[in-house]
PDB file of N, CA and C in Angstrom:
ATOM      1  N   MET A   1       5.066 -12.503  24.083  1.00  0.00           N
ATOM      2  CA  MET A   1       3.666 -12.533  23.380  1.00  0.00           C
ATOM      3  C   MET A   1       3.229 -11.416  23.024  1.00  0.00           C
ATOM      4  N   GLU A   2       2.894 -10.872  24.232  1.00  0.00           N
ATOM      5  CA  GLU A   2       2.026  -9.741  24.364  1.00  0.00           C
ATOM      6  C   GLU A   2       2.828  -8.402  23.808  1.00  0.00           C
ATOM      7  N   ALA A   3       4.082  -8.041  24.036  1.00  0.00           N
ATOM      8  CA  ALA A   3       4.776  -7.338  23.354  1.00  0.00           C
ATOM      9  C   ALA A   3       5.061  -7.329  21.801  1.00  0.00           C
ATOM     10  N   LEU A   4       4.871  -8.441  20.813  1.00  0.00           N
ATOM     11  CA  LEU A   4       4.680  -8.467  19.682  1.00  0.00           C
ATOM     12  C   LEU A   4       2.866  -8.091  19.177  1.00  0.00           C
ATOM     13  N   LEU A   5       2.104  -8.731  19.939  1.00  0.00           N
ATOM     14  CA  LEU A   5       0.742  -7.819  19.667  1.00  0.00           C
ATOM     15  C   LEU A   5       0.340  -6.289  19.637  1.00  0.00           C
ATOM     16  N   VAL A   6       1.351  -6.075  20.784  1.00  0.00           N
ATOM     17  CA  VAL A   6       1.238  -4.723  20.947  1.00  0.00           C
ATOM     18  C   VAL A   6       1.728  -4.003  19.678  1.00  0.00           C
ATOM     19  N   LEU A   7       2.669  -4.515  19.374  1.00  0.00           N
ATOM     20  CA  LEU A   7       3.542  -3.863  18.023  1.00  0.00           C
ATOM     21  C   LEU A   7       2.496  -4.076  16.782  1.00  0.00           C
ATOM     22  N   SER A   8       1.574  -5.050  16.876  1.00  0.00           N
ATOM     23  CA  SER A   8       0.969  -5.733  15.629  1.00  0.00           C
ATOM     24  C   SER A   8      -0.098  -4.201  15.047  1.00  0.00           C
ATOM     25  N   PRO A   9       0.019  -4.010  14.126  1.00  0.00           N
ATOM     26  CA  PRO A   9      -0.867  -3.180  13.691  1.00  0.00           C
ATOM     27  C   PRO A   9      -2.511  -3.447  13.343  1.00  0.00           C
ATOM     28  N   GLU A  10      -2.381  -4.870  13.341  1.00  0.00           N
ATOM     29  CA  GLU A  10      -3.579  -5.870  12.981  1.00  0.00           C
ATOM     30  C   GLU A  10      -4.194  -6.137  14.400  1.00  0.00           C
ATOM     31  N   VAL A  11      -3.549  -6.072  15.086  1.00  0.00           N
ATOM     32  CA  VAL A  11      -4.306  -6.523  16.619  1.00  0.00           C
ATOM     33  C   VAL A  11      -4.340  -5.548  17.394  1.00  0.00           C
ATOM     34  N   ARG A  12      -5.837  -5.156  18.319  1.00  0.00           N
ATOM     35  CA  ARG A  12      -6.155  -4.396  19.003  1.00  0.00           C
ATOM     36  C   ARG A  12      -6.471  -5.073  20.380  1.00  0.00           C
ATOM     37  N   LEU A  13      -6.337  -4.401  21.747  1.00  0.00           N
ATOM     38  CA  LEU A  13      -6.868  -4.966  22.655  1.00  0.00           C
ATOM     39  C   LEU A  13      -8.095  -4.245  23.088  1.00  0.00           C
ATOM     40  N   ILE A  14      -9.236  -4.824  23.028  1.00  0.00           N
ATOM     41  CA  ILE A  14     -10.573  -4.373  23.172  1.00  0.00           C
ATOM     42  C   ILE A  14     -11.304  -5.037  24.195  1.00  0.00           C
ATOM     43  N   ASP A  15     -11.948  -4.268  25.093  1.00  0.00           N
ATOM     44  CA  ASP A  15     -12.808  -4.683  26.188  1.00  0.00           C
ATOM     45  C   ASP A  15     -11.776  -5.951  26.857  1.00  0.00           C
ATOM     46  N   GLY A  16     -10.115  -5.812  27.161  1.00  0.00           N
ATOM     47  CA  GLY A  16      -9.600  -6.745  27.847  1.00  0.00           C
ATOM     48  C   GLY A  16      -9.225  -7.963  27.057  1.00  0.00           C
ATOM     49  N   ARG A  17      -9.855  -8.070  25.913  1.00  0.00           N
ATOM     50  CA  ARG A  17      -9.516  -9.570  24.927  1.00  0.00           C
ATOM     51  C   ARG A  17      -8.374  -8.685  23.289  1.00  0.00           C
ATOM     52  N   TRP A  18      -7.958  -9.337  22.874  1.00  0.00           N
ATOM     53  CA  TRP A  18      -6.963  -9.084  21.804  1.00  0.00           C
ATOM     54  C   TRP A  18      -7.927  -9.060  20.362  1.00  0.00           C
ATOM     55  N   ARG A  19      -7.932  -8.521  19.558  1.00  0.00           N
ATOM     56  CA  ARG A  19      -9.070  -8.942  18.559  1.00  0.00           C
ATOM     57  C   ARG A  19      -8.177  -8.433  17.522  1.00  0.00           C
ATOM     58  N   LEU A  20      -8.407  -9.250  16.109  1.00  0.00           N
ATOM     59  CA  LEU A  20      -7.993  -9.056  14.647  1.00  0.00           C
ATOM     60  C   LEU A  20      -8.692  -6.886  14.113  1.00  0.00           C
ATOM     61  N   ILE A  21      -8.281  -6.783  13.745  1.00  0.00           N
ATOM     62  CA  ILE A  21      -9.310  -5.289  13.366  1.00  0.00           C
ATOM     63  C   ILE A  21      -8.717  -5.650  11.933  1.00  0.00           C
ATOM     64  N   GLU A  22      -9.773  -5.071  11.172  1.00  0.00           N
ATOM     65  CA  GLU A  22      -9.674  -4.824   9.616  1.00  0.00           C
ATOM     66  C   GLU A  22      -8.667  -3.808   9.258  1.00  0.00           C
ATOM     67  N   VAL A  23      -7.816  -4.381   7.877  1.00  0.00           N
ATOM     68  CA  VAL A  23      -6.710  -3.247   7.794  1.00  0.00           C
ATOM     69  C   VAL A  23      -7.439  -2.134   7.069  1.00  0.00           C
ATOM     70  N   ALA A  24      -7.053  -1.304   7.426  1.00  0.00           N
ATOM     71  CA  ALA A  24      -7.478   0.374   6.671  1.00  0.00           C
ATOM     72  C   ALA A  24      -7.245  -0.034   5.059  1.00  0.00           C
ATOM     73  N   ARG A  25      -7.992   0.363   4.319  1.00  0.00           N
ATOM     74  CA  ARG A  25      -7.570   0.589   3.034  1.00  0.00           C
ATOM     75  C   ARG A  25      -6.402   0.805   2.578  1.00  0.00           C
ATOM     76  N   ARG A  26      -6.116   2.476   2.842  1.00  0.00           N
ATOM     77  CA  ARG A  26      -4.727   3.120   2.688  1.00  0.00           C
ATOM     78  C   ARG A  26      -3.627   1.602   2.926  1.00  0.00           C
ATOM     79  N   ASP A  27      -3.619   1.050   4.118  1.00  0.00           N
ATOM     80  CA  ASP A  27      -2.819  -0.095   4.623  1.00  0.00           C
ATOM     81  C   ASP A  27      -2.533  -1.057   3.510  1.00  0.00           C
ATOM     82  N   ARG A  28      -3.936  -1.454   3.062  1.00  0.00           N
ATOM     83  CA  ARG A  28      -3.927  -2.840   1.705  1.00  0.00           C
ATOM     84  C   ARG A  28      -3.434  -1.993   0.321  1.00  0.00           C
ATOM     85  N   ILE A  29      -3.693  -0.709   0.181  1.00  0.00           N
ATOM     86  CA  ILE A  29      -3.205  -0.056  -1.109  1.00  0.00           C
ATOM     87  C   ILE A  29      -1.703   0.145  -1.098  1.00  0.00           C
ATOM     88  N   LEU A  30      -1.053   0.559   0.249  1.00  0.00           N
ATOM     89  CA  LEU A  30       0.539   0.755  -0.045  1.00  0.00           C
ATOM     90  C   LEU A  30       1.015  -0.705  -0.053  1.00  0.00           C
ATOM     91  N   ALA A  31       0.485  -1.730   1.189  1.00  0.00           N
ATOM     92  CA  ALA A  31       1.230  -3.127   1.013  1.00  0.00           C
ATOM     93  C   ALA A  31       1.014  -3.534  -0.625  1.00  0.00           C
ATOM     94  N   ALA A  32       0.018  -3.296  -1.083  1.00  0.00           N
ATOM     95  CA  ALA A  32       0.132  -3.771  -2.599  1.00  0.00           C
ATOM     96  C   ALA A  32       1.239  -3.431  -3.734  1.00  0.00           C
ATOM     97  N   VAL A  33       1.526  -2.089  -3.234  1.00  0.00           N
ATOM     98  CA  VAL A  33       2.810  -1.543  -4.047  1.00  0.00           C
ATOM     99  C   VAL A  33       3.703  -2.075  -3.888  1.00  0.00           C
ATOM    100  N   GLU A  34       4.107  -1.834  -2.043  1.00  0.00           N
ATOM    101  CA  GLU A  34       5.337  -2.573  -1.781  1.00  0.00           C
ATOM    102  C   GLU A  34       5.411  -4.081  -2.063  1.00  0.00           C
ATOM    103  N   ALA A  35       4.545  -4.737  -2.133  1.00  0.00           N
ATOM    104  CA  ALA A  35       4.549  -6.386  -2.668  1.00  0.00           C
ATOM    105  C   ALA A  35       5.041  -6.460  -4.332  1.00  0.00           C
ATOM    106  N   TYR A  36       4.645  -5.274  -4.836  1.00  0.00           N
ATOM    107  CA  TYR A  36       4.761  -5.590  -6.580  1.00  0.00           C
ATOM    108  C   TYR A  36       6.466  -5.171  -6.745  1.00  0.00           C
ATOM    109  N   ALA A  37       6.750  -3.972  -5.720  1.00  0.00           N
ATOM    110  CA  ALA A  37       8.270  -3.503  -6.126  1.00  0.00           C
ATOM    111  C   ALA A  37       8.709  -4.623  -5.173  1.00  0.00           C
ATOM    112  N   SER A  38       8.972  -5.277  -4.514  1.00  0.00           N
ATOM    113  CA  SER A  38       9.587  -6.294  -3.868  1.00  0.00           C
ATOM    114  C   SER A  38       9.491  -7.686  -4.477  1.00  0.00           C
ATOM    115  N   THR A  39       8.604  -7.924  -5.072  1.00  0.00           N
ATOM    116  CA  THR A  39       8.474  -9.516  -6.131  1.00  0.00           C
ATOM    117  C   THR A  39       9.123  -9.400  -7.122  1.00  0.00           C
ATOM    118  N   THR A  40       8.830  -8.135  -8.199  1.00  0.00           N
ATOM    119  CA  THR A  40       9.485  -7.531  -9.346  1.00  0.00           C
ATOM    120  C   THR A  40      10.899  -6.839  -9.382  1.00  0.00           C
ATOM    121  N   GLY A  41      10.979  -6.280  -8.218  1.00  0.00           N
ATOM    122  CA  GLY A  41      12.425  -5.454  -7.999  1.00  0.00           C
ATOM    123  C   GLY A  41      12.437  -4.751  -8.999  1.00  0.00           C
ATOM    124  N   LYS A  42      11.334  -3.763  -9.477  1.00  0.00           N
ATOM    125  CA  LYS A  42      11.643  -2.923 -10.193  1.00  0.00           C
ATOM    126  C   LYS A  42      11.246  -1.715  -9.383  1.00  0.00           C
ATOM    127  N   LYS A  43      12.184  -0.509 -10.142  1.00  0.00           N
ATOM    128  CA  LYS A  43      12.147   0.840  -8.805  1.00  0.00           C
ATOM    129  C   LYS A  43      11.143   1.659  -9.918  1.00  0.00           C
ATOM    130  N   LEU A  44      11.012   1.372 -11.088  1.00  0.00           N
ATOM    131  CA  LEU A  44       9.699   2.068 -11.592  1.00  0.00           C
ATOM    132  C   LEU A  44       8.752   1.229 -12.446  1.00  0.00           C
ATOM    133  N   PHE A  45       7.479   1.196 -12.364  1.00  0.00           N
ATOM    134  CA  PHE A  45       6.259   0.828 -12.406  1.00  0.00           C
ATOM    135  C   PHE A  45       5.179   1.461 -12.537  1.00  0.00           C
ATOM    136  N   ARG A  46       4.496   0.719 -13.752  1.00  0.00           N
ATOM    137  CA  ARG A  46       2.796   1.534 -13.790  1.00  0.00           C
ATOM    138  C   ARG A  46       2.257   1.178 -12.483  1.00  0.00           C
ATOM    139  N   ALA A  47       1.428   1.884 -11.582  1.00  0.00           N
ATOM    140  CA  ALA A  47       0.558   1.734 -10.978  1.00  0.00           C
ATOM    141  C   ALA A  47      -0.274   0.751 -10.858  1.00  0.00           C
ATOM    142  N   ALA A  48      -0.986   1.114 -11.985  1.00  0.00           N
ATOM    143  CA  ALA A  48      -2.247  -0.023 -12.217  1.00  0.00           C
ATOM    144  C   ALA A  48      -1.258  -1.556 -12.237  1.00  0.00           C
ATOM    145  N   ALA A  49      -0.399  -1.720 -12.385  1.00  0.00           N
ATOM    146  CA  ALA A  49      -0.072  -2.971 -12.618  1.00  0.00           C
ATOM    147  C   ALA A  49       0.065  -3.619 -10.820  1.00  0.00           C
ATOM    148  N   ALA A  50       0.917  -2.662  -9.933  1.00  0.00           N
ATOM    149  CA  ALA A  50       1.031  -2.765  -8.635  1.00  0.00           C
ATOM    150  C   ALA A  50      -0.170  -3.248  -8.088  1.00  0.00           C
ATOM    151  N   LEU A  51      -1.583  -2.326  -8.389  1.00  0.00           N
ATOM    152  CA  LEU A  51      -2.710  -2.427  -7.945  1.00  0.00           C
ATOM    153  C   LEU A  51      -3.872  -3.353  -8.361  1.00  0.00           C
ATOM    154  N   ASP A  52      -3.351  -4.162  -9.679  1.00  0.00           N
ATOM    155  CA  ASP A  52      -4.035  -5.027 -10.175  1.00  0.00           C
ATOM    156  C   ASP A  52      -4.595  -6.219  -9.167  1.00  0.00           C
ATOM    157  N   GLY A  53      -3.738  -6.704  -8.036  1.00  0.00           N
ATOM    158  CA  GLY A  53      -4.494  -7.855  -6.988  1.00  0.00           C
ATOM    159  C   GLY A  53      -5.527  -7.295  -6.447  1.00  0.00           C
ATOM    160  N   LEU A  54      -5.652  -5.811  -6.148  1.00  0.00           N
ATOM    161  CA  LEU A  54      -6.600  -4.988  -5.231  1.00  0.00           C
ATOM    162  C   LEU A  54      -8.188  -5.618  -5.728  1.00  0.00           C
ATOM    163  N   SER A  55      -8.821  -5.836  -4.949  1.00  0.00           N
ATOM    164  CA  SER A  55     -10.402  -5.894  -5.103  1.00  0.00           C
ATOM    165  C   SER A  55     -10.835  -4.750  -5.671  1.00  0.00           C
ATOM    166  N   LEU A  56     -11.748  -4.502  -6.394  1.00  0.00           N
ATOM    167  CA  LEU A  56     -12.602  -3.116  -7.111  1.00  0.00           C
ATOM    168  C   LEU A  56     -13.107  -1.930  -6.023  1.00  0.00           C
ATOM    169  N   LYS A  57     -13.448  -2.705  -5.227  1.00  0.00           N
ATOM    170  CA  LYS A  57     -13.411  -1.472  -4.117  1.00  0.00           C
ATOM    171  C   LYS A  57     -12.523  -0.900  -3.504  1.00  0.00           C
ATOM    172  N   ASP A  58     -11.268  -1.753  -3.631  1.00  0.00           N
ATOM    173  CA  ASP A  58     -10.033  -0.775  -3.123  1.00  0.00           C
ATOM    174  C   ASP A  58      -9.312  -0.286  -4.200  1.00  0.00           C
ATOM    175  N   GLN A  59      -9.719  -0.146  -5.045  1.00  0.00           N
ATOM    176  CA  GLN A  59      -9.003   0.435  -6.217  1.00  0.00           C
ATOM    177  C   GLN A  59      -8.994   1.824  -5.944  1.00  0.00           C
ATOM    178  N   PRO A  60      -8.090   2.779  -5.748  1.00  0.00           N
ATOM    179  CA  PRO A  60      -7.681   3.812  -5.541  1.00  0.00           C
ATOM    180  C   PRO A  60      -8.229   4.928  -6.735  1.00  0.00           C
ATOM    181  N   THR A  61      -8.340   6.408  -6.411  1.00  0.00           N
ATOM    182  CA  THR A  61      -8.641   6.804  -7.337  1.00  0.00           C
ATOM    183  C   THR A  61      -7.426   7.400  -7.374  1.00  0.00           C
ATOM    184  N   ILE A  62      -7.067   8.473  -8.310  1.00  0.00           N
ATOM    185  CA  ILE A  62      -5.387   9.232  -8.785  1.00  0.00           C
ATOM    186  C   ILE A  62      -5.500   9.982  -7.214  1.00  0.00           C
ATOM    187  N   GLU A  63      -6.341  10.761  -6.818  1.00  0.00           N
ATOM    188  CA  GLU A  63      -5.923  11.788  -5.726  1.00  0.00           C
ATOM    189  C   GLU A  63      -5.670  10.614  -4.098  1.00  0.00           C
ATOM    190  N   GLU A  64      -6.400   9.515  -4.577  1.00  0.00           N
ATOM    191  CA  GLU A  64      -6.222   8.759  -3.238  1.00  0.00           C
ATOM    192  C   GLU A  64      -4.852   7.921  -3.033  1.00  0.00           C
ATOM    193  N   LEU A  65      -4.587   7.536  -4.266  1.00  0.00           N
ATOM    194  CA  LEU A  65      -3.157   7.011  -4.459  1.00  0.00           C
ATOM    195  C   LEU A  65      -2.008   8.067  -4.319  1.00  0.00           C
ATOM    196  N   LYS A  66      -2.273   9.113  -4.680  1.00  0.00           N
ATOM    197  CA  LYS A  66      -1.069  10.365  -3.879  1.00  0.00           C
ATOM    198  C   LYS A  66      -1.041  10.595  -2.930  1.00  0.00           C
ATOM    199  N   GLY A  67      -2.356  10.722  -2.142  1.00  0.00           N
ATOM    200  CA  GLY A  67      -2.345  10.570  -0.712  1.00  0.00           C
ATOM    201  C   GLY A  67      -1.780   9.424  -0.006  1.00  0.00           C
ATOM    202  N   VAL A  68      -1.808   8.157  -0.414  1.00  0.00           N
ATOM    203  CA  VAL A  68      -1.704   7.111   0.012  1.00  0.00           C
ATOM    204  C   VAL A  68       0.292   7.066  -0.057  1.00  0.00           C
ATOM    205  N   LEU A  69       0.500   7.384  -1.360  1.00  0.00           N
ATOM    206  CA  LEU A  69       2.186   7.044  -1.759  1.00  0.00           C
ATOM    207  C   LEU A  69       3.176   8.534  -0.642  1.00  0.00           C
ATOM    208  N   ALA A  70       2.071   9.716  -0.868  1.00  0.00           N
ATOM    209  CA  ALA A  70       2.902  10.518  -0.089  1.00  0.00           C
ATOM    210  C   ALA A  70       3.087   9.925   1.321  1.00  0.00           C
ATOM    211  N   SER A  71       2.312   9.259   2.103  1.00  0.00           N
ATOM    212  CA  SER A  71       2.248   8.830   3.361  1.00  0.00           C
ATOM    213  C   SER A  71       3.287   7.898   3.584  1.00  0.00           C
ATOM    214  N   SER A  72       3.867   7.221   2.345  1.00  0.00           N
ATOM    215  CA  SER A  72       5.149   6.328   2.829  1.00  0.00           C
ATOM    216  C   SER A  72       6.280   6.699   2.634  1.00  0.00           C
ATOM    217  N   GLY A  73       6.341   8.005   3.325  1.00  0.00           N
ATOM    218  CA  GLY A  73       7.723   8.406   3.988  1.00  0.00           C
ATOM    219  C   GLY A  73       8.834   8.423   2.586  1.00  0.00           C
ATOM    220  N   GLY A  74       8.314   8.737   1.554  1.00  0.00           N
ATOM    221  CA  GLY A  74       9.195   9.016   0.630  1.00  0.00           C
ATOM    222  C   GLY A  74       9.859   7.605  -0.148  1.00  0.00           C
ATOM    223  N   ARG A  75       8.980   6.653   0.558  1.00  0.00           N
ATOM    224  CA  ARG A  75       9.612   5.493  -0.640  1.00  0.00           C
ATOM    225  C   ARG A  75       9.009   5.333  -1.729  1.00  0.00           C
ATOM    226  N   TYR A  76       8.119   6.003  -2.087  1.00  0.00           N
ATOM    227  CA  TYR A  76       7.800   5.801  -3.518  1.00  0.00           C
ATOM    228  C   TYR A  76       6.751   7.180  -3.495  1.00  0.00           C
ATOM    229  N   SER A  77       6.692   7.516  -5.072  1.00  0.00           N
ATOM    230  CA  SER A  77       6.119   8.731  -5.427  1.00  0.00           C
ATOM    231  C   SER A  77       5.425   8.577  -7.007  1.00  0.00           C
ATOM    232  N   LEU A  78       4.713   9.188  -7.091  1.00  0.00           N
ATOM    233  CA  LEU A  78       3.726   9.190  -8.749  1.00  0.00           C
ATOM    234  C   LEU A  78       4.626  10.183  -9.282  1.00  0.00           C
ATOM    235  N   LEU A  79       4.821   9.429 -10.432  1.00  0.00           N
ATOM    236  CA  LEU A  79       5.135  10.412 -11.810  1.00  0.00           C
ATOM    237  C   LEU A  79       4.421  10.649 -12.598  1.00  0.00           C
ATOM    238  N   PRO A  80       4.038  11.655 -13.519  1.00  0.00           N
ATOM    239  CA  PRO A  80       3.293  12.067 -14.506  1.00  0.00           C
ATOM    240  C   PRO A  80       3.457  11.176 -15.984  1.00  0.00           C
ATOM    241  N   ASN A  81       2.140  10.859 -16.577  1.00  0.00           N
ATOM    242  CA  ASN A  81       2.572   9.882 -17.375  1.00  0.00           C
ATOM    243  C   ASN A  81       3.758  10.710 -18.529  1.00  0.00           C
ATOM    244  N   ALA A  82       4.057  11.848 -18.647  1.00  0.00           N
ATOM    245  CA  ALA A  82       4.858  12.830 -19.529  1.00  0.00           C
ATOM    246  C   ALA A  82       6.423  12.698 -19.197  1.00  0.00           C
ATOM    247  N   MET A  83       6.301  12.107 -18.023  1.00  0.00           N
ATOM    248  CA  MET A  83       7.805  11.961 -17.427  1.00  0.00           C
ATOM    249  C   MET A  83       8.649  10.474 -18.046  1.00  0.00           C
ATOM    250  N   ILE A  84       7.305   9.816 -18.540  1.00  0.00           N
ATOM    251  CA  ILE A  84       7.792   8.347 -18.448  1.00  0.00           C
ATOM    252  C   ILE A  84       8.094   7.899 -20.142  1.00  0.00           C
ATOM    253  N   LYS A  85       9.504   7.620 -20.300  1.00  0.00           N
ATOM    254  CA  LYS A  85       9.575   7.599 -21.820  1.00  0.00           C
ATOM    255  C   LYS A  85       9.660   6.347 -21.955  1.00  0.00           C
ATOM    256  N   ARG A  86       9.174   5.517 -23.365  1.00  0.00           N
ATOM    257  CA  ARG A  86       9.030   4.331 -23.541  1.00  0.00           C
ATOM    258  C   ARG A  86      10.157   3.989 -24.697  1.00  0.00           C
ATOM    259  N   ASN A  87      10.805   2.830 -24.717  1.00  0.00           N
ATOM    260  CA  ASN A  87      11.491   2.920 -25.648  1.00  0.00           C
ATOM    261  C   ASN A  87      10.924   2.165 -26.888  1.00  0.00           C
ATOM    262  N   ASP A  88      10.434   2.609 -27.633  1.00  0.00           N
ATOM    263  CA  ASP A  88       9.877   2.046 -28.964  1.00  0.00           C
ATOM    264  C   ASP A  88      10.799   1.634 -30.104  1.00  0.00           C
TER     265      ASP A  88
END
């Protein structure tokens, strides 16, 4: 059991006791993108749709979103609107 706690990003050993810690805002943003991609099966989607479930305080600016997606290890990237073509 302790090995699982050591590997968990949500739990830390503080003063000899295992404690839940708040998940970082960056992690919540990335988790929202990953959940949306997983549940919809889409590979290309609007960031607003993926982030719609986040609270107002967790909504990232475009610069924050670029940084979060850059930290995803290449799994996600942000395309400029001009690169997205619509089938009208």
